[in-house]
Amino acid sequence: MRPLSKVQSRMLALGILGIVLLLLFNLLFGPLITRYLENRDQVNRLEHQLEVYQRVAANLDENKRKLAQMQANDPSQGMYLTEARPSLAAAELQQILTRIISTSGGQLVSTQIIDQPPEQTISAIAVNVRLRCEVDELVQLLYALESSPPLLFTENLLIAASSRVPARTVQVRTRGRAPVRRTVRMPSLDVRFDLIAYTEKGVIP
């Protein structure tokens, strides 16, 4: 094997020295540089998040005012029953019906809750209503049901004449007085329909 010349030996020594220095640099300074770059990226992200939070904090009062205005202008406000559970919502619907009938006139005969299918996409509450009233009272009742909050719908409306029993005699008792027999005229219409309202909570288990 031919011995290396001085130039070749010097070049080889420099190459070996370069490799050793490169290995030392990678072992000693490489992790530090990598950690520095990672920390710099994290600092940049945190600074960006801080700027976002500062902007949100600066506009907090304005955002609250806009949110309150949007809630006040919500077109669905007052359109739903306030109760969420079906039994309580049905009781609320019956109370609303009783209140409207007391204003419009008529005699409520009965109400019956209608079971809704479990696969319904929204939570509907329905009751079957039977009452007796006059024509003008029915007009007022239907108008009140259509125009009063919450949003109410009438379906399967059936109207029949109740002229078979035009009047009947009843005994009226008053406190401190003897019973008095009076003739009470029965309403001329027998009305039946389904009254439907909705809850705001969606489908309720």
Protein backbone atom coordinates (compact mmCIF):
# COMPACT_ATOMS: atom_id res chain seq x y z
CA MET A 1 0.00 0.00 0.00
CA ARG A 2 1.45 3.34 -1.01
CA PRO A 3 1.92 5.83 1.83
CA LEU A 4 -0.07 9.03 1.62
CA SER A 5 1.62 12.18 0.64
CA LYS A 6 1.76 15.11 2.99
CA VAL A 7 -1.02 16.87 1.10
CA GLN A 8 -3.23 13.81 1.16
CA SER A 9 -2.55 13.23 4.84
CA ARG A 10 -3.40 16.83 5.58
CA MET A 11 -6.62 16.59 3.54
CA LEU A 12 -7.60 13.38 5.28
CA ALA A 13 -6.93 14.88 8.70
CA LEU A 14 -8.99 17.93 7.84
CA GLY A 15 -11.83 15.72 6.62
CA ILE A 16 -11.78 13.66 9.80
CA LEU A 17 -11.69 16.84 11.86
CA GLY A 18 -14.63 18.24 9.93
CA ILE A 19 -16.65 15.07 10.50
CA VAL A 20 -15.85 15.13 14.22
CA LEU A 21 -16.82 18.80 14.47
CA LEU A 22 -20.03 18.16 12.58
CA LEU A 23 -20.92 15.27 14.91
CA LEU A 24 -20.15 17.39 17.96
CA PHE A 25 -22.26 20.24 16.57
CA ASN A 26 -25.22 17.94 15.93
CA LEU A 27 -24.89 16.34 19.36
CA LEU A 28 -24.38 19.52 21.35
CA PHE A 29 -25.98 22.38 19.45
CA GLY A 30 -28.55 20.56 17.28
CA PRO A 31 -31.04 19.86 20.12
CA LEU A 32 -30.61 23.41 21.41
CA ILE A 33 -31.38 24.91 18.02
CA THR A 34 -34.37 22.57 17.53
CA ARG A 35 -35.70 23.47 20.98
CA TYR A 36 -35.20 27.15 20.26
CA LEU A 37 -37.14 26.94 17.00
CA GLU A 38 -39.97 25.02 18.69
CA ASN A 39 -40.14 27.55 21.51
CA ARG A 40 -40.18 30.41 19.03
CA ASP A 41 -43.13 28.84 17.18
CA GLN A 42 -44.98 28.32 20.46
CA VAL A 43 -44.30 31.92 21.49
CA ASN A 44 -45.65 33.13 18.15
CA ARG A 45 -48.81 31.05 18.62
CA LEU A 46 -49.32 32.33 22.15
CA GLU A 47 -48.81 35.91 21.05
CA HIS A 48 -51.41 35.43 18.33
CA GLN A 49 -53.88 33.94 20.82
CA LEU A 50 -53.21 36.82 23.20
CA GLU A 51 -54.00 39.32 20.46
CA VAL A 52 -57.28 37.51 19.72
CA TYR A 53 -58.26 37.47 23.40
CA GLN A 54 -57.41 41.14 23.73
CA ARG A 55 -59.60 42.00 20.75
CA VAL A 56 -62.46 39.92 22.19
CA ALA A 57 -62.07 41.57 25.60
CA ALA A 58 -62.04 44.99 24.02
CA ASN A 59 -65.32 44.25 22.19
CA LEU A 60 -66.98 42.35 25.05
CA ASP A 61 -69.47 45.08 25.97
CA GLU A 62 -70.36 45.65 22.33
CA ASN A 63 -70.83 41.93 21.75
CA LYS A 64 -73.06 41.68 24.83
CA ARG A 65 -75.18 44.55 23.52
CA LYS A 66 -75.51 42.90 20.10
CA LEU A 67 -76.41 39.57 21.71
CA ALA A 68 -79.11 41.20 23.84
CA GLN A 69 -80.48 42.95 20.76
CA MET A 70 -80.57 39.69 18.79
CA GLN A 71 -82.34 37.92 21.65
CA ALA A 72 -84.87 40.75 21.89
CA ASN A 73 -85.51 40.58 18.14
CA ASP A 74 -85.80 36.78 18.08
CA PRO A 75 -88.83 36.08 15.85
CA SER A 76 -89.49 32.78 17.65
CA GLN A 77 -89.79 34.40 21.07
CA GLY A 78 -93.20 33.68 22.59
CA MET A 79 -94.14 31.17 19.90
CA TYR A 80 -93.54 28.05 22.02
CA LEU A 81 -94.93 26.63 25.22
CA THR A 82 -92.76 27.45 28.20
CA GLU A 83 -92.87 23.93 29.67
CA ALA A 84 -90.55 21.27 28.26
CA ARG A 85 -91.99 18.00 29.56
CA PRO A 86 -94.97 16.70 27.56
CA SER A 87 -97.25 16.33 30.60
CA LEU A 88 -96.54 19.85 31.86
CA ALA A 89 -96.74 21.29 28.35
CA ALA A 90 -100.13 19.64 27.82
CA ALA A 91 -101.38 21.09 31.11
CA GLU A 92 -100.12 24.52 30.04
CA LEU A 93 -101.91 24.19 26.69
CA GLN A 94 -105.16 23.28 28.46
CA GLN A 95 -104.81 26.32 30.73
CA ILE A 96 -104.31 28.57 27.70
CA LEU A 97 -107.41 27.10 26.08
CA THR A 98 -109.50 27.57 29.23
CA ARG A 99 -108.37 31.19 29.52
CA ILE A 100 -109.23 31.95 25.90
CA ILE A 101 -112.65 30.30 26.17
CA SER A 102 -113.42 32.30 29.32
CA THR A 103 -112.81 35.45 27.26
CA SER A 104 -114.45 34.49 23.98
CA GLY A 105 -117.39 32.63 25.55
CA GLY A 106 -118.64 29.08 25.25
CA GLN A 107 -118.83 25.99 27.43
CA LEU A 108 -115.83 23.66 27.52
CA VAL A 109 -117.12 20.08 27.62
CA SER A 110 -113.88 18.07 27.65
CA THR A 111 -110.23 17.95 26.62
CA GLN A 112 -108.14 14.88 25.95
CA ILE A 113 -104.38 14.72 25.38
CA ILE A 114 -103.41 13.19 22.03
CA ASP A 115 -100.34 10.96 22.12
CA GLN A 116 -97.71 11.97 19.57
CA PRO A 117 -95.50 9.47 17.67
CA PRO A 118 -92.02 9.09 19.20
CA GLU A 119 -90.30 9.63 15.83
CA GLN A 120 -91.57 13.18 15.41
CA THR A 121 -88.86 15.66 14.44
CA ILE A 122 -90.18 18.44 16.68
CA SER A 123 -92.04 18.22 19.97
CA ALA A 124 -95.71 18.81 19.27
CA ILE A 125 -98.30 18.89 22.05
CA ALA A 126 -101.89 18.22 21.01
CA VAL A 127 -105.23 17.99 22.81
CA ASN A 128 -108.64 17.08 21.47
CA VAL A 129 -111.19 19.70 22.44
CA ARG A 130 -114.97 19.53 22.67
CA LEU A 131 -117.06 22.58 23.52
CA ARG A 132 -120.46 24.14 23.00
CA CYS A 133 -120.85 27.71 21.84
CA GLU A 134 -122.65 30.13 19.56
CA VAL A 135 -121.46 31.23 16.14
CA ASP A 136 -120.09 34.59 17.29
CA GLU A 137 -118.32 32.91 20.22
CA LEU A 138 -116.74 30.38 17.85
CA VAL A 139 -115.48 33.17 15.61
CA GLN A 140 -113.89 34.94 18.57
CA LEU A 141 -112.41 31.70 19.84
CA LEU A 142 -110.79 30.75 16.52
CA TYR A 143 -109.44 34.26 16.07
CA ALA A 144 -107.94 34.23 19.58
CA LEU A 145 -106.36 30.81 19.01
CA GLU A 146 -104.77 31.96 15.76
CA SER A 147 -103.53 35.34 16.99
CA SER A 148 -102.57 34.81 20.65
CA PRO A 149 -99.14 33.60 21.76
CA PRO A 150 -97.89 30.93 21.87
CA LEU A 151 -98.30 29.71 18.30
CA LEU A 152 -101.41 27.50 18.19
CA PHE A 153 -102.89 25.42 15.37
CA THR A 154 -106.37 23.95 15.00
CA GLU A 155 -106.96 20.79 13.00
CA ASN A 156 -109.84 18.40 12.32
CA LEU A 157 -112.47 21.04 13.06
CA LEU A 158 -115.98 19.58 13.28
CA ILE A 159 -119.06 21.76 13.83
CA ALA A 160 -122.52 20.30 14.45
CA ALA A 161 -125.83 21.82 15.50
CA SER A 162 -127.01 20.90 19.00
CA SER A 163 -130.65 21.86 18.45
CA ARG A 164 -131.91 18.58 19.94
CA VAL A 165 -131.62 20.06 23.43
CA PRO A 166 -132.37 23.78 22.97
CA ALA A 167 -132.86 24.49 26.67
CA ARG A 168 -132.93 22.79 30.04
CA THR A 169 -134.03 23.64 33.55
CA VAL A 170 -131.38 23.62 36.24
CA GLN A 171 -131.47 24.30 39.95
CA VAL A 172 -129.22 27.20 40.98
CA ARG A 173 -128.13 27.43 44.62
CA THR A 174 -127.03 30.70 46.15
CA ARG A 175 -125.63 31.19 49.66
CA GLY A 176 -128.29 32.08 52.21
CA ARG A 177 -131.16 31.68 49.75
CA ALA A 178 -133.46 28.91 48.67
CA PRO A 179 -132.60 27.05 45.44
CA VAL A 180 -134.04 28.65 42.34
CA ARG A 181 -134.96 26.76 39.19
CA ARG A 182 -133.94 28.49 36.00
CA THR A 183 -134.16 27.65 32.33
CA VAL A 184 -130.75 27.70 30.70
CA ARG A 185 -130.48 27.90 26.93
CA MET A 186 -128.00 25.44 25.52
CA PRO A 187 -125.49 26.70 22.93
CA SER A 188 -126.50 26.00 19.36
CA LEU A 189 -123.17 24.52 18.18
CA ASP A 190 -121.28 21.42 19.22
CA VAL A 191 -117.62 21.99 18.24
CA ARG A 192 -114.72 19.57 18.22
CA PHE A 193 -111.14 20.11 17.07
CA ASP A 194 -107.50 19.26 17.78
CA LEU A 195 -105.42 22.05 19.30
CA ILE A 196 -101.66 21.81 18.66
CA ALA A 197 -98.72 23.76 20.09
CA TYR A 198 -94.97 23.17 20.21
CA THR A 199 -92.24 23.23 22.81
CA GLU A 200 -88.93 25.01 22.29
CA LYS A 201 -86.77 22.13 23.52
CA GLY A 202 -87.21 19.90 20.48
CA VAL A 203 -87.85 16.21 20.92
CA ILE A 204 -88.13 15.35 24.63
CA PRO A 205 -87.50 11.79 25.85
